[in-house]
C-alpha atoms as a PDB file:
ATOM      1  CA  MET A   1     137.890 144.044 150.966  1.00  0.00           C
ATOM      2  CA  ILE A   2     134.306 144.501 149.782  1.00  0.00           C
ATOM      3  CA  CYS A   3     133.586 146.686 152.806  1.00  0.00           C
ATOM      4  CA  SER A   4     136.717 148.727 152.121  1.00  0.00           C
ATOM      5  CA  LYS A   5     135.662 149.318 148.525  1.00  0.00           C
ATOM      6  CA  LYS A   6     132.237 150.508 149.634  1.00  0.00           C
ATOM      7  CA  LEU A   7     133.798 152.916 152.104  1.00  0.00           C
ATOM      8  CA  PHE A   8     136.112 154.254 149.413  1.00  0.00           C
ATOM      9  CA  LEU A   9     133.191 154.704 147.022  1.00  0.00           C
ATOM     10  CA  VAL A  10     131.236 156.661 149.620  1.00  0.00           C
ATOM     11  CA  ALA A  11     134.270 158.807 150.405  1.00  0.00           C
ATOM     12  CA  SER A  12     134.805 159.528 146.705  1.00  0.00           C
ATOM     13  CA  LEU A  13     131.182 160.597 146.280  1.00  0.00           C
ATOM     14  CA  ILE A  14     131.388 162.905 149.276  1.00  0.00           C
ATOM     15  CA  LEU A  15     134.607 164.457 148.003  1.00  0.00           C
ATOM     16  CA  ILE A  16     133.342 165.016 144.477  1.00  0.00           C
ATOM     17  CA  SER A  17     129.649 165.759 145.025  1.00  0.00           C
ATOM     18  CA  PHE A  18     130.010 168.287 147.796  1.00  0.00           C
ATOM     19  CA  PRO A  19     132.771 170.671 146.726  1.00  0.00           C
ATOM     20  CA  GLY A  20     131.996 173.001 149.601  1.00  0.00           C
ATOM     21  CA  ILE A  21     134.209 170.870 151.826  1.00  0.00           C
ATOM     22  CA  ILE A  22     137.298 171.653 149.754  1.00  0.00           C
ATOM     23  CA  SER A  23     138.937 174.962 148.929  1.00  0.00           C
ATOM     24  CA  SER A  24     137.830 176.823 145.846  1.00  0.00           C
ATOM     25  CA  ALA A  25     140.287 177.453 143.044  1.00  0.00           C
ATOM     26  CA  GLU A  26     140.540 181.132 143.981  1.00  0.00           C
ATOM     27  CA  ARG A  27     141.719 180.270 147.515  1.00  0.00           C
ATOM     28  CA  ASP A  28     143.797 177.229 146.650  1.00  0.00           C
ATOM     29  CA  SER A  29     146.901 177.099 148.834  1.00  0.00           C
ATOM     30  CA  LEU A  30     148.759 174.509 146.790  1.00  0.00           C
ATOM     31  CA  PRO A  31     152.308 175.809 146.200  1.00  0.00           C
ATOM     32  CA  GLY A  32     152.816 177.015 142.649  1.00  0.00           C
ATOM     33  CA  TYR A  33     149.127 177.509 141.917  1.00  0.00           C
ATOM     34  CA  ARG A  34     148.323 180.824 140.236  1.00  0.00           C
ATOM     35  CA  GLY A  35     144.736 180.275 139.170  1.00  0.00           C
ATOM     36  CA  LYS A  36     145.634 180.328 135.482  1.00  0.00           C
ATOM     37  CA  SER A  37     144.595 177.836 132.827  1.00  0.00           C
ATOM     38  CA  PRO A  38     147.630 175.876 131.625  1.00  0.00           C
ATOM     39  CA  VAL A  39     148.512 176.040 127.953  1.00  0.00           C
ATOM     40  CA  ILE A  40     148.527 172.401 126.870  1.00  0.00           C
ATOM     41  CA  GLU A  41     150.895 173.016 123.964  1.00  0.00           C
ATOM     42  CA  ASN A  42     153.493 174.279 126.432  1.00  0.00           C
ATOM     43  CA  LEU A  43     153.161 171.183 128.597  1.00  0.00           C
ATOM     44  CA  ILE A  44     153.823 168.615 125.868  1.00  0.00           C
ATOM     45  CA  PRO A  45     157.612 169.206 125.467  1.00  0.00           C
ATOM     46  CA  GLY A  46     158.102 168.946 129.220  1.00  0.00           C
ATOM     47  CA  PHE A  47     156.009 165.791 129.348  1.00  0.00           C
ATOM     48  CA  MET A  48     158.084 164.215 126.592  1.00  0.00           C
ATOM     49  CA  ALA A  49     161.334 165.106 128.359  1.00  0.00           C
ATOM     50  CA  VAL A  50     160.140 163.674 131.668  1.00  0.00           C
ATOM     51  CA  THR A  51     158.935 160.528 129.911  1.00  0.00           C
ATOM     52  CA  ALA A  52     162.302 159.985 128.217  1.00  0.00           C
ATOM     53  CA  ALA A  53     164.124 160.438 131.516  1.00  0.00           C
ATOM     54  CA  SER A  54     161.740 158.114 133.349  1.00  0.00           C
ATOM     55  CA  PHE A  55     162.755 155.130 131.215  1.00  0.00           C
ATOM     56  CA  MET A  56     166.242 155.422 132.687  1.00  0.00           C
ATOM     57  CA  LEU A  57     164.770 155.189 136.180  1.00  0.00           C
ATOM     58  CA  ASP A  58     162.807 151.992 135.579  1.00  0.00           C
ATOM     59  CA  GLU A  59     165.387 149.424 136.659  1.00  0.00           C
ATOM     60  CA  PRO A  60     166.941 151.368 139.577  1.00  0.00           C
ATOM     61  CA  GLY A  61     163.497 152.510 140.675  1.00  0.00           C
ATOM     62  CA  MET A  62     162.143 148.973 140.787  1.00  0.00           C
ATOM     63  CA  SER A  63     165.275 147.786 142.600  1.00  0.00           C
ATOM     64  CA  PHE A  64     164.629 150.437 145.260  1.00  0.00           C
ATOM     65  CA  VAL A  65     160.991 149.420 145.569  1.00  0.00           C
ATOM     66  CA  ARG A  66     161.814 145.739 145.992  1.00  0.00           C
ATOM     67  CA  SER A  67     164.311 146.461 148.745  1.00  0.00           C
ATOM     68  CA  ASN A  68     161.869 148.619 150.703  1.00  0.00           C
ATOM     69  CA  GLN A  69     158.618 146.651 150.656  1.00  0.00           C
ATOM     70  CA  THR A  70     156.711 146.169 153.900  1.00  0.00           C
ATOM     71  CA  PRO A  71     153.288 144.691 154.719  1.00  0.00           C
ATOM     72  CA  PHE A  72     152.081 148.105 155.884  1.00  0.00           C
ATOM     73  CA  LEU A  73     153.033 149.912 152.672  1.00  0.00           C
ATOM     74  CA  GLN A  74     151.570 147.063 150.643  1.00  0.00           C
ATOM     75  CA  GLY A  75     148.286 147.585 152.465  1.00  0.00           C
ATOM     76  CA  VAL A  76     148.429 151.315 151.723  1.00  0.00           C
ATOM     77  CA  ALA A  77     149.061 150.566 148.046  1.00  0.00           C
ATOM     78  CA  ASN A  78     146.019 148.301 147.969  1.00  0.00           C
ATOM     79  CA  TYR A  79     143.875 151.210 149.117  1.00  0.00           C
ATOM     80  CA  THR A  80     145.370 153.791 146.747  1.00  0.00           C
ATOM     81  CA  ASP A  81     144.830 151.301 143.926  1.00  0.00           C
ATOM     82  CA  MET A  82     141.092 151.889 144.256  1.00  0.00           C
ATOM     83  CA  GLY A  83     141.501 155.466 143.028  1.00  0.00           C
ATOM     84  CA  GLY A  84     142.164 154.089 139.559  1.00  0.00           C
ATOM     85  CA  GLU A  85     139.897 151.049 139.641  1.00  0.00           C
ATOM     86  CA  LYS A  86     137.326 151.500 136.885  1.00  0.00           C
ATOM     87  CA  THR A  87     134.683 149.364 138.580  1.00  0.00           C
ATOM     88  CA  ILE A  88     134.653 151.837 141.471  1.00  0.00           C
ATOM     89  CA  VAL A  89     135.466 155.329 140.217  1.00  0.00           C
ATOM     90  CA  VAL A  90     133.527 155.221 136.932  1.00  0.00           C
ATOM     91  CA  PRO A  91     130.187 154.378 138.615  1.00  0.00           C
ATOM     92  CA  ALA A  92     130.989 157.036 141.230  1.00  0.00           C
ATOM     93  CA  LEU A  93     131.644 159.564 138.472  1.00  0.00           C
ATOM     94  CA  LEU A  94     128.385 158.798 136.662  1.00  0.00           C
ATOM     95  CA  LEU A  95     126.471 159.017 139.928  1.00  0.00           C
ATOM     96  CA  THR A  96     128.152 162.345 140.654  1.00  0.00           C
ATOM     97  CA  TYR A  97     127.073 163.716 137.283  1.00  0.00           C
ATOM     98  CA  GLY A  98     123.517 162.528 137.809  1.00  0.00           C
ATOM     99  CA  THR A  99     123.421 163.996 141.308  1.00  0.00           C
ATOM    100  CA  ALA A 100     124.771 167.351 140.131  1.00  0.00           C
ATOM    101  CA  ARG A 101     122.342 167.584 137.234  1.00  0.00           C
ATOM    102  CA  PHE A 102     119.093 166.172 138.561  1.00  0.00           C
ATOM    103  CA  LEU A 103     119.268 166.646 142.337  1.00  0.00           C
ATOM    104  CA  LEU A 104     121.601 169.521 143.164  1.00  0.00           C
ATOM    105  CA  ASN A 105     121.241 171.523 139.944  1.00  0.00           C
ATOM    106  CA  ASP A 106     124.893 172.452 140.445  1.00  0.00           C
ATOM    107  CA  LYS A 107     126.125 173.683 137.059  1.00  0.00           C
ATOM    108  CA  ARG A 108     129.747 173.916 138.148  1.00  0.00           C
ATOM    109  CA  LEU A 109     129.867 170.378 139.475  1.00  0.00           C
ATOM    110  CA  GLN A 110     127.909 169.111 136.470  1.00  0.00           C
ATOM    111  CA  SER A 111     130.418 170.709 134.107  1.00  0.00           C
ATOM    112  CA  ALA A 112     133.387 169.225 135.969  1.00  0.00           C
ATOM    113  CA  ALA A 113     131.781 165.781 135.953  1.00  0.00           C
ATOM    114  CA  LEU A 114     130.957 165.991 132.234  1.00  0.00           C
ATOM    115  CA  ASN A 115     134.512 167.056 131.415  1.00  0.00           C
ATOM    116  CA  SER A 116     135.715 164.130 133.495  1.00  0.00           C
ATOM    117  CA  VAL A 117     133.495 161.683 131.605  1.00  0.00           C
ATOM    118  CA  GLN A 118     134.804 162.943 128.268  1.00  0.00           C
ATOM    119  CA  SER A 119     138.383 162.790 129.495  1.00  0.00           C
ATOM    120  CA  VAL A 120     137.948 159.221 130.730  1.00  0.00           C
ATOM    121  CA  ILE A 121     136.528 158.062 127.386  1.00  0.00           C
ATOM    122  CA  VAL A 122     139.370 159.518 125.325  1.00  0.00           C
ATOM    123  CA  THR A 123     142.002 158.343 127.794  1.00  0.00           C
ATOM    124  CA  ALA A 124     140.629 154.793 127.904  1.00  0.00           C
ATOM    125  CA  ILE A 125     140.807 154.476 124.124  1.00  0.00           C
ATOM    126  CA  ALA A 126     144.335 155.902 123.937  1.00  0.00           C
ATOM    127  CA  THR A 127     145.587 153.816 126.841  1.00  0.00           C
ATOM    128  CA  GLU A 128     144.246 150.510 125.570  1.00  0.00           C
ATOM    129  CA  GLY A 129     145.603 151.189 122.110  1.00  0.00           C
ATOM    130  CA  MET A 130     149.082 151.926 123.442  1.00  0.00           C
ATOM    131  CA  LYS A 131     149.035 148.872 125.702  1.00  0.00           C
ATOM    132  CA  ASN A 132     148.435 146.562 122.766  1.00  0.00           C
ATOM    133  CA  LEU A 133     150.943 148.284 120.511  1.00  0.00           C
ATOM    134  CA  ALA A 134     153.746 148.358 123.087  1.00  0.00           C
ATOM    135  CA  GLY A 135     153.227 144.930 124.655  1.00  0.00           C
ATOM    136  CA  ARG A 136     155.564 145.727 127.526  1.00  0.00           C
ATOM    137  CA  ALA A 137     156.176 143.112 130.203  1.00  0.00           C
ATOM    138  CA  ARG A 138     155.117 144.040 133.715  1.00  0.00           C
ATOM    139  CA  PRO A 139     157.801 144.191 136.443  1.00  0.00           C
ATOM    140  CA  PHE A 140     156.542 141.094 138.250  1.00  0.00           C
ATOM    141  CA  THR A 141     157.228 138.912 135.196  1.00  0.00           C
ATOM    142  CA  GLY A 142     160.965 139.242 135.825  1.00  0.00           C
ATOM    143  CA  GLU A 143     161.684 139.897 132.138  1.00  0.00           C
ATOM    144  CA  GLY A 144     163.192 143.333 132.733  1.00  0.00           C
ATOM    145  CA  ALA A 145     162.206 146.878 131.830  1.00  0.00           C
ATOM    146  CA  TYR A 146     162.892 146.556 128.131  1.00  0.00           C
ATOM    147  CA  SER A 147     160.971 143.422 127.241  1.00  0.00           C
ATOM    148  CA  PHE A 148     158.278 144.110 124.635  1.00  0.00           C
ATOM    149  CA  HIS A 149     155.834 141.745 122.908  1.00  0.00           C
ATOM    150  CA  SER A 150     153.835 143.398 120.139  1.00  0.00           C
ATOM    151  CA  LEU A 151     150.059 142.998 120.085  1.00  0.00           C
ATOM    152  CA  PRO A 152     149.571 140.979 123.299  1.00  0.00           C
ATOM    153  CA  ILE A 153     145.802 140.750 122.873  1.00  0.00           C
ATOM    154  CA  GLY A 154     144.300 139.394 126.084  1.00  0.00           C
ATOM    155  CA  ILE A 155     147.670 138.813 127.787  1.00  0.00           C
ATOM    156  CA  ASP A 156     147.638 141.118 130.810  1.00  0.00           C
ATOM    157  CA  ARG A 157     151.237 140.530 131.913  1.00  0.00           C
ATOM    158  CA  TYR A 158     152.384 142.154 128.670  1.00  0.00           C
ATOM    159  CA  LYS A 159     150.205 145.261 128.968  1.00  0.00           C
ATOM    160  CA  SER A 160     152.333 147.340 131.302  1.00  0.00           C
ATOM    161  CA  LEU A 161     152.778 150.497 129.199  1.00  0.00           C
ATOM    162  CA  PRO A 162     151.026 152.774 129.976  1.00  0.00           C
ATOM    163  CA  SER A 163     149.399 152.262 133.368  1.00  0.00           C
ATOM    164  CA  GLY A 164     145.631 152.113 132.943  1.00  0.00           C
ATOM    165  CA  HIS A 165     144.936 152.792 136.614  1.00  0.00           C
ATOM    166  CA  VAL A 166     147.091 155.933 136.564  1.00  0.00           C
ATOM    167  CA  SER A 167     145.754 157.262 133.265  1.00  0.00           C
ATOM    168  CA  LEU A 168     142.178 156.722 134.445  1.00  0.00           C
ATOM    169  CA  ALA A 169     142.836 158.384 137.798  1.00  0.00           C
ATOM    170  CA  PHE A 170     144.370 161.491 136.224  1.00  0.00           C
ATOM    171  CA  ALA A 171     141.703 161.663 133.510  1.00  0.00           C
ATOM    172  CA  LEU A 172     138.926 161.442 136.070  1.00  0.00           C
ATOM    173  CA  PHE A 173     140.272 163.719 138.810  1.00  0.00           C
ATOM    174  CA  THR A 174     141.965 166.420 136.703  1.00  0.00           C
ATOM    175  CA  PRO A 175     138.727 168.289 135.824  1.00  0.00           C
ATOM    176  CA  PHE A 176     137.776 168.379 139.516  1.00  0.00           C
ATOM    177  CA  ALA A 177     141.262 169.453 140.556  1.00  0.00           C
ATOM    178  CA  GLU A 178     141.252 172.255 137.989  1.00  0.00           C
ATOM    179  CA  THR A 179     137.732 173.334 138.943  1.00  0.00           C
ATOM    180  CA  TYR A 180     137.979 173.191 142.735  1.00  0.00           C
ATOM    181  CA  SER A 181     141.368 172.479 144.279  1.00  0.00           C
ATOM    182  CA  ARG A 182     144.629 171.134 142.928  1.00  0.00           C
ATOM    183  CA  TRP A 183     145.157 169.261 146.175  1.00  0.00           C
ATOM    184  CA  ILE A 184     142.878 166.689 144.555  1.00  0.00           C
ATOM    185  CA  TYR A 185     145.843 165.713 142.389  1.00  0.00           C
ATOM    186  CA  LEU A 186     147.151 163.849 145.438  1.00  0.00           C
ATOM    187  CA  VAL A 187     144.643 161.104 144.622  1.00  0.00           C
ATOM    188  CA  PRO A 188     146.011 160.148 141.177  1.00  0.00           C
ATOM    189  CA  VAL A 189     149.584 160.703 142.351  1.00  0.00           C
ATOM    190  CA  SER A 190     149.027 158.179 145.147  1.00  0.00           C
ATOM    191  CA  VAL A 191     147.592 155.745 142.591  1.00  0.00           C
ATOM    192  CA  ALA A 192     150.754 156.071 140.493  1.00  0.00           C
ATOM    193  CA  MET A 193     153.019 155.437 143.460  1.00  0.00           C
ATOM    194  CA  GLY A 194     150.963 152.433 144.533  1.00  0.00           C
ATOM    195  CA  ARG A 195     151.043 150.792 141.110  1.00  0.00           C
ATOM    196  CA  VAL A 196     154.838 151.026 140.968  1.00  0.00           C
ATOM    197  CA  TYR A 197     155.160 149.816 144.545  1.00  0.00           C
ATOM    198  CA  GLN A 198     153.055 146.740 143.764  1.00  0.00           C
ATOM    199  CA  GLU A 199     155.418 145.876 140.872  1.00  0.00           C
ATOM    200  CA  LYS A 200     152.545 146.122 138.427  1.00  0.00           C
ATOM    201  CA  HIS A 201     154.137 148.992 136.514  1.00  0.00           C
ATOM    202  CA  TRP A 202     157.493 150.596 135.842  1.00  0.00           C
ATOM    203  CA  VAL A 203     158.052 154.253 136.679  1.00  0.00           C
ATOM    204  CA  SER A 204     157.785 155.193 132.998  1.00  0.00           C
ATOM    205  CA  ASP A 205     154.452 153.343 132.731  1.00  0.00           C
ATOM    206  CA  ALA A 206     153.052 155.554 135.475  1.00  0.00           C
ATOM    207  CA  ILE A 207     154.522 158.718 133.939  1.00  0.00           C
ATOM    208  CA  VAL A 208     153.102 157.999 130.486  1.00  0.00           C
ATOM    209  CA  GLY A 209     149.716 157.001 131.880  1.00  0.00           C
ATOM    210  CA  GLY A 210     149.585 160.075 134.078  1.00  0.00           C
ATOM    211  CA  GLY A 211     150.503 162.302 131.172  1.00  0.00           C
ATOM    212  CA  ILE A 212     147.772 160.902 128.946  1.00  0.00           C
ATOM    213  CA  GLY A 213     145.112 161.347 131.609  1.00  0.00           C
ATOM    214  CA  LEU A 214     146.349 164.771 132.663  1.00  0.00           C
ATOM    215  CA  LEU A 215     146.527 166.216 129.159  1.00  0.00           C
ATOM    216  CA  SER A 216     143.106 164.798 128.319  1.00  0.00           C
ATOM    217  CA  GLY A 217     141.580 166.243 131.479  1.00  0.00           C
ATOM    218  CA  LEU A 218     143.133 169.657 130.843  1.00  0.00           C
ATOM    219  CA  LEU A 219     141.977 169.596 127.224  1.00  0.00           C
ATOM    220  CA  PHE A 220     138.296 169.228 128.062  1.00  0.00           C
ATOM    221  CA  THR A 221     138.420 171.436 131.155  1.00  0.00           C
ATOM    222  CA  HIS A 222     140.042 174.429 129.506  1.00  0.00           C
ATOM    223  CA  ASN A 223     138.697 174.116 125.967  1.00  0.00           C
ATOM    224  CA  GLU A 224     134.923 174.498 125.961  1.00  0.00           C
ATOM    225  CA  ARG A 225     134.771 174.264 122.169  1.00  0.00           C
ATOM    226  CA  ILE A 226     135.957 170.662 122.233  1.00  0.00           C
ATOM    227  CA  GLN A 227     133.190 168.278 123.253  1.00  0.00           C
ATOM    228  CA  ILE A 228     132.257 164.641 122.894  1.00  0.00           C
ATOM    229  CA  ILE A 229     128.571 164.171 122.152  1.00  0.00           C
ATOM    230  CA  PRO A 230     126.459 161.063 121.394  1.00  0.00           C
ATOM    231  CA  THR A 231     126.948 161.468 117.634  1.00  0.00           C
ATOM    232  CA  GLY A 232     130.726 161.733 117.859  1.00  0.00           C
ATOM    233  CA  ILE A 233     133.399 164.374 118.459  1.00  0.00           C
ATOM    234  CA  ARG A 234     132.783 167.971 117.462  1.00  0.00           C
ATOM    235  CA  VAL A 235     135.361 170.715 117.560  1.00  0.00           C
ATOM    236  CA  TYR A 236     133.870 174.205 117.301  1.00  0.00           C
ATOM    237  CA  PHE A 237     135.929 177.049 115.834  1.00  0.00           C
END
């Protein structure tokens, strides 16, 4: 497992630090891509609607997962899990920023990495706050999709909503996906699927976590006047 994590870390660095190996945004072949910056305000209503609908899929979705589990798919989920593991992707992100700034002098990559760092910080705070307020039981506890325990400080089995792995993955990879290629979104999407498959999160947990990370990533990527700096948050008008 240690060897696997090292390999994943190296692969992540190669993917992020050398954008020449992936398609540029202007040539992106991802269906539906038009090269335009999304308007975040227009995405929020859709996100809320999808979130509301996802809660109805929690029980049937988990029932489907449990009836289709195999050792092979479990192994795949273990690998995709690494895309949202903070002990792996956060150091990789910081190293990417340092490489872009001090070694490659790549302004585009440096900007994407900085936006990613800011997105991760905001997302981490929002995610942890929601986890402790909601206190939702994880699927593997057997308590059902609608079991909530308010303020479960330090009790991990009651911190299902939202998914931290998924929110982190979307927060981290969204700036790179928007800067280089939206195929990169396959990474956080695979993390979301893996977390549900492992019975660590309900479908709605993954949707909410993904939405938080995605909106945060889009906010910093497409709004240059909003920045997090050492002395706090500044919004320039």
